[in-house]
Amino acid sequence: FLLPGLIAFILFTLGPILFSLVISFFDWNLFSGPVFVDT
């Protein structure tokens, strides 16, 4: 019963949060591939 809520949390909350942390170290404009720029 907890699994659907857990999956939704990972996909729509925790996942985007971690993804935003990762891409904060990249130069990415959505129209081209991300380029790692460190800090």
PDB file of all heavy atoms in Angstrom:
ATOM      1  N   PHE A   1       0.823  -1.207   0.000  1.00  0.00           N
ATOM      2  CA  PHE A   1       0.000   0.000   0.000  1.00  0.00           C
ATOM      3  C   PHE A   1       0.863   1.266   0.000  1.00  0.00           C
ATOM      4  O   PHE A   1       0.465   2.300  -0.532  1.00  0.00           O
ATOM      5  CB  PHE A   1      -0.929   0.004   1.214  1.00  0.00           C
ATOM      6  CG  PHE A   1      -2.187  -0.788   1.026  1.00  0.00           C
ATOM      7  CD1 PHE A   1      -2.344  -2.033   1.621  1.00  0.00           C
ATOM      8  CD2 PHE A   1      -3.215  -0.299   0.244  1.00  0.00           C
ATOM      9  CE1 PHE A   1      -3.498  -2.776   1.437  1.00  0.00           C
ATOM     10  CE2 PHE A   1      -4.384  -1.025   0.051  1.00  0.00           C
ATOM     11  CZ  PHE A   1      -4.529  -2.276   0.647  1.00  0.00           C
ATOM     12  N   LEU A   2       2.039   1.189   0.609  1.00  0.00           N
ATOM     13  CA  LEU A   2       2.939   2.343   0.647  1.00  0.00           C
ATOM     14  C   LEU A   2       3.696   2.530  -0.662  1.00  0.00           C
ATOM     15  O   LEU A   2       4.187   3.630  -0.945  1.00  0.00           O
ATOM     16  CB  LEU A   2       3.947   2.191   1.784  1.00  0.00           C
ATOM     17  CG  LEU A   2       3.413   2.248   3.214  1.00  0.00           C
ATOM     18  CD1 LEU A   2       4.542   1.952   4.204  1.00  0.00           C
ATOM     19  CD2 LEU A   2       2.802   3.609   3.503  1.00  0.00           C
ATOM     20  N   LEU A   3       3.813   1.465  -1.453  1.00  0.00           N
ATOM     21  CA  LEU A   3       4.656   1.493  -2.646  1.00  0.00           C
ATOM     22  C   LEU A   3       4.249   2.554  -3.663  1.00  0.00           C
ATOM     23  O   LEU A   3       5.126   3.272  -4.175  1.00  0.00           O
ATOM     24  CB  LEU A   3       4.665   0.101  -3.298  1.00  0.00           C
ATOM     25  CG  LEU A   3       5.677  -0.092  -4.433  1.00  0.00           C
ATOM     26  CD1 LEU A   3       7.085   0.149  -3.915  1.00  0.00           C
ATOM     27  CD2 LEU A   3       5.547  -1.497  -5.021  1.00  0.00           C
ATOM     28  N   PRO A   4       2.961   2.735  -3.994  1.00  0.00           N
ATOM     29  CA  PRO A   4       2.614   3.788  -4.970  1.00  0.00           C
ATOM     30  C   PRO A   4       3.036   5.181  -4.518  1.00  0.00           C
ATOM     31  O   PRO A   4       3.569   5.963  -5.312  1.00  0.00           O
ATOM     32  CB  PRO A   4       1.083   3.675  -5.084  1.00  0.00           C
ATOM     33  CG  PRO A   4       0.781   2.274  -4.690  1.00  0.00           C
ATOM     34  CD  PRO A   4       1.778   1.933  -3.624  1.00  0.00           C
ATOM     35  N   GLY A   5       2.805   5.484  -3.242  1.00  0.00           N
ATOM     36  CA  GLY A   5       3.225   6.784  -2.733  1.00  0.00           C
ATOM     37  C   GLY A   5       4.730   6.943  -2.737  1.00  0.00           C
ATOM     38  O   GLY A   5       5.258   8.014  -3.044  1.00  0.00           O
ATOM     39  N   LEU A   6       5.445   5.859  -2.406  1.00  0.00           N
ATOM     40  CA  LEU A   6       6.907   5.909  -2.406  1.00  0.00           C
ATOM     41  C   LEU A   6       7.450   6.120  -3.815  1.00  0.00           C
ATOM     42  O   LEU A   6       8.385   6.910  -4.012  1.00  0.00           O
ATOM     43  CB  LEU A   6       7.461   4.616  -1.808  1.00  0.00           C
ATOM     44  CG  LEU A   6       8.991   4.502  -1.702  1.00  0.00           C
ATOM     45  CD1 LEU A   6       9.535   5.605  -0.806  1.00  0.00           C
ATOM     46  CD2 LEU A   6       9.383   3.121  -1.181  1.00  0.00           C
ATOM     47  N   ILE A   7       6.868   5.426  -4.788  1.00  0.00           N
ATOM     48  CA  ILE A   7       7.300   5.590  -6.176  1.00  0.00           C
ATOM     49  C   ILE A   7       7.048   7.017  -6.653  1.00  0.00           C
ATOM     50  O   ILE A   7       7.897   7.638  -7.301  1.00  0.00           O
ATOM     51  CB  ILE A   7       6.578   4.567  -7.088  1.00  0.00           C
ATOM     52  CG1 ILE A   7       7.025   3.144  -6.743  1.00  0.00           C
ATOM     53  CG2 ILE A   7       6.846   4.869  -8.553  1.00  0.00           C
ATOM     54  CD1 ILE A   7       6.269   2.072  -7.489  1.00  0.00           C
ATOM     55  N   ALA A   8       5.866   7.552  -6.312  1.00  0.00           N
ATOM     56  CA  ALA A   8       5.548   8.927  -6.704  1.00  0.00           C
ATOM     57  C   ALA A   8       6.514   9.918  -6.052  1.00  0.00           C
ATOM     58  O   ALA A   8       6.953  10.883  -6.697  1.00  0.00           O
ATOM     59  CB  ALA A   8       4.111   9.256  -6.317  1.00  0.00           C
ATOM     60  N   PHE A   9       6.859   9.673  -4.786  1.00  0.00           N
ATOM     61  CA  PHE A   9       7.809  10.557  -4.093  1.00  0.00           C
ATOM     62  C   PHE A   9       9.177  10.530  -4.772  1.00  0.00           C
ATOM     63  O   PHE A   9       9.806  11.579  -4.971  1.00  0.00           O
ATOM     64  CB  PHE A   9       7.929  10.131  -2.630  1.00  0.00           C
ATOM     65  CG  PHE A   9       9.015  10.848  -1.875  1.00  0.00           C
ATOM     66  CD1 PHE A   9       8.847  12.153  -1.460  1.00  0.00           C
ATOM     67  CD2 PHE A   9      10.218  10.213  -1.598  1.00  0.00           C
ATOM     68  CE1 PHE A   9       9.851  12.820  -0.775  1.00  0.00           C
ATOM     69  CE2 PHE A   9      11.231  10.866  -0.908  1.00  0.00           C
ATOM     70  CZ  PHE A   9      11.039  12.185  -0.501  1.00  0.00           C
ATOM     71  N   ILE A  10       9.640   9.343  -5.147  1.00  0.00           N
ATOM     72  CA  ILE A  10      10.955   9.224  -5.778  1.00  0.00           C
ATOM     73  C   ILE A  10      10.956   9.871  -7.163  1.00  0.00           C
ATOM     74  O   ILE A  10      11.893  10.585  -7.526  1.00  0.00           O
ATOM     75  CB  ILE A  10      11.369   7.736  -5.872  1.00  0.00           C
ATOM     76  CG1 ILE A  10      11.602   7.172  -4.467  1.00  0.00           C
ATOM     77  CG2 ILE A  10      12.626   7.575  -6.718  1.00  0.00           C
ATOM     78  CD1 ILE A  10      11.868   5.675  -4.446  1.00  0.00           C
ATOM     79  N   LEU A  11       9.893   9.636  -7.931  1.00  0.00           N
ATOM     80  CA  LEU A  11       9.850  10.137  -9.303  1.00  0.00           C
ATOM     81  C   LEU A  11       9.618  11.637  -9.387  1.00  0.00           C
ATOM     82  O   LEU A  11      10.220  12.325 -10.230  1.00  0.00           O
ATOM     83  CB  LEU A  11       8.760   9.403 -10.093  1.00  0.00           C
ATOM     84  CG  LEU A  11       9.012   7.930 -10.421  1.00  0.00           C
ATOM     85  CD1 LEU A  11       7.820   7.350 -11.167  1.00  0.00           C
ATOM     86  CD2 LEU A  11      10.287   7.761 -11.239  1.00  0.00           C
ATOM     87  N   PHE A  12       8.744  12.157  -8.527  1.00  0.00           N
ATOM     88  CA  PHE A  12       8.311  13.539  -8.683  1.00  0.00           C
ATOM     89  C   PHE A  12       8.845  14.500  -7.614  1.00  0.00           C
ATOM     90  O   PHE A  12       8.627  15.709  -7.728  1.00  0.00           O
ATOM     91  CB  PHE A  12       6.779  13.600  -8.695  1.00  0.00           C
ATOM     92  CG  PHE A  12       6.162  12.796  -9.793  1.00  0.00           C
ATOM     93  CD1 PHE A  12       5.463  11.636  -9.514  1.00  0.00           C
ATOM     94  CD2 PHE A  12       6.291  13.188 -11.112  1.00  0.00           C
ATOM     95  CE1 PHE A  12       4.888  10.882 -10.524  1.00  0.00           C
ATOM     96  CE2 PHE A  12       5.723  12.452 -12.137  1.00  0.00           C
ATOM     97  CZ  PHE A  12       5.025  11.288 -11.843  1.00  0.00           C
ATOM     98  N   THR A  13       9.508  13.993  -6.580  1.00  0.00           N
ATOM     99  CA  THR A  13      10.063  14.871  -5.546  1.00  0.00           C
ATOM    100  C   THR A  13      11.553  14.643  -5.362  1.00  0.00           C
ATOM    101  O   THR A  13      12.372  15.520  -5.672  1.00  0.00           O
ATOM    102  CB  THR A  13       9.332  14.658  -4.206  1.00  0.00           C
ATOM    103  OG1 THR A  13       7.930  14.886  -4.380  1.00  0.00           O
ATOM    104  CG2 THR A  13       9.854  15.633  -3.158  1.00  0.00           C
ATOM    105  N   LEU A  14      11.920  13.484  -4.855  1.00  0.00           N
ATOM    106  CA  LEU A  14      13.335  13.213  -4.588  1.00  0.00           C
ATOM    107  C   LEU A  14      14.155  13.193  -5.866  1.00  0.00           C
ATOM    108  O   LEU A  14      15.260  13.755  -5.911  1.00  0.00           O
ATOM    109  CB  LEU A  14      13.466  11.878  -3.848  1.00  0.00           C
ATOM    110  CG  LEU A  14      14.900  11.485  -3.436  1.00  0.00           C
ATOM    111  CD1 LEU A  14      15.479  12.531  -2.485  1.00  0.00           C
ATOM    112  CD2 LEU A  14      14.894  10.100  -2.787  1.00  0.00           C
ATOM    113  N   GLY A  15      13.632  12.572  -6.918  1.00  0.00           N
ATOM    114  CA  GLY A  15      14.359  12.501  -8.185  1.00  0.00           C
ATOM    115  C   GLY A  15      14.669  13.873  -8.760  1.00  0.00           C
ATOM    116  O   GLY A  15      15.839  14.173  -9.060  1.00  0.00           O
ATOM    117  N   PRO A  16      13.662  14.747  -8.935  1.00  0.00           N
ATOM    118  CA  PRO A  16      13.953  16.091  -9.454  1.00  0.00           C
ATOM    119  C   PRO A  16      14.899  16.897  -8.565  1.00  0.00           C
ATOM    120  O   PRO A  16      15.708  17.680  -9.071  1.00  0.00           O
ATOM    121  CB  PRO A  16      12.564  16.740  -9.508  1.00  0.00           C
ATOM    122  CG  PRO A  16      11.630  15.596  -9.689  1.00  0.00           C
ATOM    123  CD  PRO A  16      12.217  14.487  -8.877  1.00  0.00           C
ATOM    124  N   ILE A  17      14.807  16.712  -7.241  1.00  0.00           N
ATOM    125  CA  ILE A  17      15.712  17.440  -6.342  1.00  0.00           C
ATOM    126  C   ILE A  17      17.157  17.031  -6.603  1.00  0.00           C
ATOM    127  O   ILE A  17      18.056  17.876  -6.751  1.00  0.00           O
ATOM    128  CB  ILE A  17      15.326  17.181  -4.874  1.00  0.00           C
ATOM    129  CG1 ILE A  17      14.011  17.883  -4.544  1.00  0.00           C
ATOM    130  CG2 ILE A  17      16.429  17.667  -3.931  1.00  0.00           C
ATOM    131  CD1 ILE A  17      13.483  17.572  -3.154  1.00  0.00           C
ATOM    132  N   LEU A  18      17.399  15.733  -6.658  1.00  0.00           N
ATOM    133  CA  LEU A  18      18.756  15.238  -6.918  1.00  0.00           C
ATOM    134  C   LEU A  18      19.216  15.615  -8.326  1.00  0.00           C
ATOM    135  O   LEU A  18      20.393  15.956  -8.534  1.00  0.00           O
ATOM    136  CB  LEU A  18      18.802  13.727  -6.719  1.00  0.00           C
ATOM    137  CG  LEU A  18      18.528  13.233  -5.295  1.00  0.00           C
ATOM    138  CD1 LEU A  18      18.560  11.713  -5.242  1.00  0.00           C
ATOM    139  CD2 LEU A  18      19.530  13.824  -4.303  1.00  0.00           C
ATOM    140  N   PHE A  19      18.296  15.577  -9.280  1.00  0.00           N
ATOM    141  CA  PHE A  19      18.648  15.939 -10.650  1.00  0.00           C
ATOM    142  C   PHE A  19      19.051  17.407 -10.740  1.00  0.00           C
ATOM    143  O   PHE A  19      19.993  17.769 -11.450  1.00  0.00           O
ATOM    144  CB  PHE A  19      17.476  15.656 -11.587  1.00  0.00           C
ATOM    145  CG  PHE A  19      17.750  15.977 -13.023  1.00  0.00           C
ATOM    146  CD1 PHE A  19      18.641  15.222 -13.760  1.00  0.00           C
ATOM    147  CD2 PHE A  19      17.107  17.043 -13.641  1.00  0.00           C
ATOM    148  CE1 PHE A  19      18.900  15.515 -15.091  1.00  0.00           C
ATOM    149  CE2 PHE A  19      17.358  17.348 -14.967  1.00  0.00           C
ATOM    150  CZ  PHE A  19      18.255  16.579 -15.699  1.00  0.00           C
ATOM    151  N   SER A  20      18.331  18.276 -10.009  1.00  0.00           N
ATOM    152  CA  SER A  20      18.679  19.697 -10.020  1.00  0.00           C
ATOM    153  C   SER A  20      20.051  19.935  -9.411  1.00  0.00           C
ATOM    154  O   SER A  20      20.793  20.817  -9.862  1.00  0.00           O
ATOM    155  CB  SER A  20      17.620  20.509  -9.269  1.00  0.00           C
ATOM    156  OG  SER A  20      17.669  20.241  -7.870  1.00  0.00           O
ATOM    157  N   LEU A  21      20.405  19.134  -8.393  1.00  0.00           N
ATOM    158  CA  LEU A  21      21.738  19.264  -7.803  1.00  0.00           C
ATOM    159  C   LEU A  21      22.810  18.871  -8.810  1.00  0.00           C
ATOM    160  O   LEU A  21      23.862  19.528  -8.907  1.00  0.00           O
ATOM    161  CB  LEU A  21      21.839  18.392  -6.549  1.00  0.00           C
ATOM    162  CG  LEU A  21      23.201  18.378  -5.847  1.00  0.00           C
ATOM    163  CD1 LEU A  21      23.570  19.781  -5.374  1.00  0.00           C
ATOM    164  CD2 LEU A  21      23.184  17.406  -4.666  1.00  0.00           C
ATOM    165  N   VAL A  22      22.555  17.827  -9.561  1.00  0.00           N
ATOM    166  CA  VAL A  22      23.536  17.367 -10.551  1.00  0.00           C
ATOM    167  C   VAL A  22      23.718  18.395 -11.652  1.00  0.00           C
ATOM    168  O   VAL A  22      24.843  18.771 -11.994  1.00  0.00           O
ATOM    169  CB  VAL A  22      23.107  16.007 -11.138  1.00  0.00           C
ATOM    170  CG1 VAL A  22      24.014  15.623 -12.309  1.00  0.00           C
ATOM    171  CG2 VAL A  22      23.152  14.922 -10.079  1.00  0.00           C
ATOM    172  N   ILE A  23      22.596  18.886 -12.217  1.00  0.00           N
ATOM    173  CA  ILE A  23      22.735  19.793 -13.358  1.00  0.00           C
ATOM    174  C   ILE A  23      23.199  21.181 -12.939  1.00  0.00           C
ATOM    175  O   ILE A  23      23.518  22.004 -13.798  1.00  0.00           O
ATOM    176  CB  ILE A  23      21.420  19.902 -14.153  1.00  0.00           C
ATOM    177  CG1 ILE A  23      20.323  20.568 -13.316  1.00  0.00           C
ATOM    178  CG2 ILE A  23      20.979  18.553 -14.664  1.00  0.00           C
ATOM    179  CD1 ILE A  23      19.074  20.874 -14.132  1.00  0.00           C
ATOM    180  N   SER A  24      23.234  21.456 -11.628  1.00  0.00           N
ATOM    181  CA  SER A  24      23.773  22.748 -11.193  1.00  0.00           C
ATOM    182  C   SER A  24      25.263  22.855 -11.489  1.00  0.00           C
ATOM    183  O   SER A  24      25.816  23.956 -11.441  1.00  0.00           O
ATOM    184  CB  SER A  24      23.516  22.954  -9.698  1.00  0.00           C
ATOM    185  OG  SER A  24      24.280  22.066  -8.907  1.00  0.00           O
ATOM    186  N   PHE A  25      25.894  21.729 -11.797  1.00  0.00           N
ATOM    187  CA  PHE A  25      27.312  21.719 -12.159  1.00  0.00           C
ATOM    188  C   PHE A  25      27.505  21.625 -13.676  1.00  0.00           C
ATOM    189  O   PHE A  25      28.607  21.363 -14.151  1.00  0.00           O
ATOM    190  CB  PHE A  25      28.031  20.554 -11.475  1.00  0.00           C
ATOM    191  CG  PHE A  25      28.013  20.631  -9.979  1.00  0.00           C
ATOM    192  CD1 PHE A  25      27.083  19.907  -9.244  1.00  0.00           C
ATOM    193  CD2 PHE A  25      28.905  21.444  -9.304  1.00  0.00           C
ATOM    194  CE1 PHE A  25      27.057  19.978  -7.861  1.00  0.00           C
ATOM    195  CE2 PHE A  25      28.887  21.527  -7.916  1.00  0.00           C
ATOM    196  CZ  PHE A  25      27.958  20.792  -7.190  1.00  0.00           C
ATOM    197  N   PHE A  26      26.428  21.847 -14.426  1.00  0.00           N
ATOM    198  CA  PHE A  26      26.491  21.773 -15.878  1.00  0.00           C
ATOM    199  C   PHE A  26      25.957  23.058 -16.496  1.00  0.00           C
ATOM    200  O   PHE A  26      25.187  23.791 -15.881  1.00  0.00           O
ATOM    201  CB  PHE A  26      25.652  20.591 -16.398  1.00  0.00           C
ATOM    202  CG  PHE A  26      26.258  19.239 -16.134  1.00  0.00           C
ATOM    203  CD1 PHE A  26      26.127  18.633 -14.895  1.00  0.00           C
ATOM    204  CD2 PHE A  26      26.961  18.582 -17.132  1.00  0.00           C
ATOM    205  CE1 PHE A  26      26.682  17.387 -14.638  1.00  0.00           C
ATOM    206  CE2 PHE A  26      27.510  17.332 -16.895  1.00  0.00           C
ATOM    207  CZ  PHE A  26      27.380  16.734 -15.657  1.00  0.00           C
ATOM    208  N   ASP A  27      26.383  23.306 -17.721  1.00  0.00           N
ATOM    209  CA  ASP A  27      25.810  24.363 -18.545  1.00  0.00           C
ATOM    210  C   ASP A  27      24.853  23.683 -19.510  1.00  0.00           C
ATOM    211  O   ASP A  27      25.259  22.942 -20.410  1.00  0.00           O
ATOM    212  CB  ASP A  27      26.915  25.094 -19.308  1.00  0.00           C
ATOM    213  CG  ASP A  27      26.369  26.235 -20.147  1.00  0.00           C
ATOM    214  OD1 ASP A  27      25.191  26.605 -19.954  1.00  0.00           O
ATOM    215  OD2 ASP A  27      27.097  26.743 -21.019  1.00  0.00           O
ATOM    216  N   TRP A  28      23.535  23.938 -19.315  1.00  0.00           N
ATOM    217  CA  TRP A  28      22.522  23.224 -20.093  1.00  0.00           C
ATOM    218  C   TRP A  28      21.365  24.157 -20.399  1.00  0.00           C
ATOM    219  O   TRP A  28      20.801  24.768 -19.503  1.00  0.00           O
ATOM    220  CB  TRP A  28      22.026  22.005 -19.293  1.00  0.00           C
ATOM    221  CG  TRP A  28      21.089  21.124 -20.024  1.00  0.00           C
ATOM    222  CD1 TRP A  28      21.134  20.800 -21.351  1.00  0.00           C
ATOM    223  CD2 TRP A  28      19.947  20.453 -19.478  1.00  0.00           C
ATOM    224  NE1 TRP A  28      20.100  19.961 -21.672  1.00  0.00           N
ATOM    225  CE2 TRP A  28      19.353  19.722 -20.546  1.00  0.00           C
ATOM    226  CE3 TRP A  28      19.377  20.373 -18.216  1.00  0.00           C
ATOM    227  CZ2 TRP A  28      18.216  18.944 -20.364  1.00  0.00           C
ATOM    228  CZ3 TRP A  28      18.256  19.605 -18.036  1.00  0.00           C
ATOM    229  CH2 TRP A  28      17.686  18.888 -19.098  1.00  0.00           C
ATOM    230  N   ASN A  29      21.032  24.276 -21.685  1.00  0.00           N
ATOM    231  CA  ASN A  29      19.959  25.175 -22.104  1.00  0.00           C
ATOM    232  C   ASN A  29      18.756  24.442 -22.684  1.00  0.00           C
ATOM    233  O   ASN A  29      17.912  25.055 -23.350  1.00  0.00           O
ATOM    234  CB  ASN A  29      20.482  26.188 -23.120  1.00  0.00           C
ATOM    235  CG  ASN A  29      20.992  25.518 -24.388  1.00  0.00           C
ATOM    236  OD1 ASN A  29      20.873  24.304 -24.554  1.00  0.00           O
ATOM    237  ND2 ASN A  29      21.577  26.310 -25.270  1.00  0.00           N
ATOM    238  N   LEU A  30      18.656  23.138 -22.485  1.00  0.00           N
ATOM    239  CA  LEU A  30      17.557  22.285 -22.942  1.00  0.00           C
ATOM    240  C   LEU A  30      17.623  21.952 -24.431  1.00  0.00           C
ATOM    241  O   LEU A  30      17.006  20.986 -24.878  1.00  0.00           O
ATOM    242  CB  LEU A  30      16.182  22.916 -22.653  1.00  0.00           C
ATOM    243  CG  LEU A  30      15.749  23.045 -21.192  1.00  0.00           C
ATOM    244  CD1 LEU A  30      14.378  23.698 -21.111  1.00  0.00           C
ATOM    245  CD2 LEU A  30      15.707  21.686 -20.509  1.00  0.00           C
ATOM    246  N   PHE A  31      18.341  22.740 -25.214  1.00  0.00           N
ATOM    247  CA  PHE A  31      18.380  22.525 -26.660  1.00  0.00           C
ATOM    248  C   PHE A  31      19.681  21.885 -27.119  1.00  0.00           C
ATOM    249  O   PHE A  31      19.820  21.540 -28.295  1.00  0.00           O
ATOM    250  CB  PHE A  31      18.177  23.859 -27.395  1.00  0.00           C
ATOM    251  CG  PHE A  31      16.899  24.548 -27.025  1.00  0.00           C
ATOM    252  CD1 PHE A  31      16.902  25.639 -26.177  1.00  0.00           C
ATOM    253  CD2 PHE A  31      15.686  24.084 -27.494  1.00  0.00           C
ATOM    254  CE1 PHE A  31      15.715  26.273 -25.824  1.00  0.00           C
ATOM    255  CE2 PHE A  31      14.495  24.707 -27.151  1.00  0.00           C
ATOM    256  CZ  PHE A  31      14.506  25.808 -26.319  1.00  0.00           C
ATOM    257  N   SER A  32      20.618  21.736 -26.213  1.00  0.00           N
ATOM    258  CA  SER A  32      21.889  21.081 -26.532  1.00  0.00           C
ATOM    259  C   SER A  32      22.300  20.233 -25.344  1.00  0.00           C
ATOM    260  O   SER A  32      21.727  20.355 -24.249  1.00  0.00           O
ATOM    261  CB  SER A  32      22.967  22.117 -26.858  1.00  0.00           C
ATOM    262  OG  SER A  32      23.194  22.973 -25.739  1.00  0.00           O
ATOM    263  N   GLY A  33      23.260  19.386 -25.553  1.00  0.00           N
ATOM    264  CA  GLY A  33      23.706  18.505 -24.494  1.00  0.00           C
ATOM    265  C   GLY A  33      24.338  19.270 -23.341  1.00  0.00           C
ATOM    266  O   GLY A  33      24.967  20.313 -23.542  1.00  0.00           O
ATOM    267  N   PRO A  34      24.169  18.773 -22.108  1.00  0.00           N
ATOM    268  CA  PRO A  34      24.792  19.448 -20.957  1.00  0.00           C
ATOM    269  C   PRO A  34      26.311  19.354 -20.999  1.00  0.00           C
ATOM    270  O   PRO A  34      26.872  18.337 -21.404  1.00  0.00           O
ATOM    271  CB  PRO A  34      24.215  18.691 -19.759  1.00  0.00           C
ATOM    272  CG  PRO A  34      23.822  17.357 -20.290  1.00  0.00           C
ATOM    273  CD  PRO A  34      23.415  17.570 -21.708  1.00  0.00           C
ATOM    274  N   VAL A  35      26.944  20.434 -20.586  1.00  0.00           N
ATOM    275  CA  VAL A  35      28.412  20.511 -20.550  1.00  0.00           C
ATOM    276  C   VAL A  35      28.842  20.716 -19.109  1.00  0.00           C
ATOM    277  O   VAL A  35      28.394  21.668 -18.453  1.00  0.00           O
ATOM    278  CB  VAL A  35      28.927  21.662 -21.439  1.00  0.00           C
ATOM    279  CG1 VAL A  35      30.451  21.741 -21.353  1.00  0.00           C
ATOM    280  CG2 VAL A  35      28.470  21.477 -22.878  1.00  0.00           C
ATOM    281  N   PHE A  36      29.706  19.848 -18.623  1.00  0.00           N
ATOM    282  CA  PHE A  36      30.165  19.958 -17.233  1.00  0.00           C
ATOM    283  C   PHE A  36      31.043  21.194 -17.070  1.00  0.00           C
ATOM    284  O   PHE A  36      32.019  21.382 -17.801  1.00  0.00           O
ATOM    285  CB  PHE A  36      30.939  18.706 -16.843  1.00  0.00           C
ATOM    286  CG  PHE A  36      31.430  18.716 -15.423  1.00  0.00           C
ATOM    287  CD1 PHE A  36      30.542  18.568 -14.364  1.00  0.00           C
ATOM    288  CD2 PHE A  36      32.782  18.880 -15.140  1.00  0.00           C
ATOM    289  CE1 PHE A  36      30.983  18.578 -13.060  1.00  0.00           C
ATOM    290  CE2 PHE A  36      33.230  18.897 -13.836  1.00  0.00           C
ATOM    291  CZ  PHE A  36      32.333  18.740 -12.795  1.00  0.00           C
ATOM    292  N   VAL A  37      30.692  22.039 -16.093  1.00  0.00           N
ATOM    293  CA  VAL A  37      31.453  23.271 -15.861  1.00  0.00           C
ATOM    294  C   VAL A  37      31.935  23.374 -14.417  1.00  0.00           C
ATOM    295  O   VAL A  37      32.327  24.450 -13.968  1.00  0.00           O
ATOM    296  CB  VAL A  37      30.600  24.512 -16.221  1.00  0.00           C
ATOM    297  CG1 VAL A  37      30.332  24.569 -17.717  1.00  0.00           C
ATOM    298  CG2 VAL A  37      29.299  24.529 -15.426  1.00  0.00           C
ATOM    299  N   ASP A  38      31.860  22.268 -13.679  1.00  0.00           N
ATOM    300  CA  ASP A  38      32.297  22.234 -12.281  1.00  0.00           C
ATOM    301  C   ASP A  38      31.471  23.246 -11.467  1.00  0.00           C
ATOM    302  O   ASP A  38      30.259  23.226 -11.508  1.00  0.00           O
ATOM    303  CB  ASP A  38      33.795  22.495 -12.196  1.00  0.00           C
ATOM    304  CG  ASP A  38      34.400  21.986 -10.890  1.00  0.00           C
ATOM    305  OD1 ASP A  38      33.675  21.322 -10.119  1.00  0.00           O
ATOM    306  OD2 ASP A  38      35.572  22.249 -10.633  1.00  0.00           O
ATOM    307  N   THR A  39      32.118  24.147 -10.749  1.00  0.00           N
ATOM    308  CA  THR A  39      31.406  25.108  -9.897  1.00  0.00           C
ATOM    309  C   THR A  39      31.265  26.482 -10.555  1.00  0.00           C
ATOM    310  O   THR A  39      31.040  27.480  -9.871  1.00  0.00           O
ATOM    311  CB  THR A  39      32.138  25.272  -8.552  1.00  0.00           C
ATOM    312  OG1 THR A  39      33.475  25.756  -8.799  1.00  0.00           O
ATOM    313  CG2 THR A  39      32.200  23.958  -7.795  1.00  0.00           C
TER     314      THR A  39
END
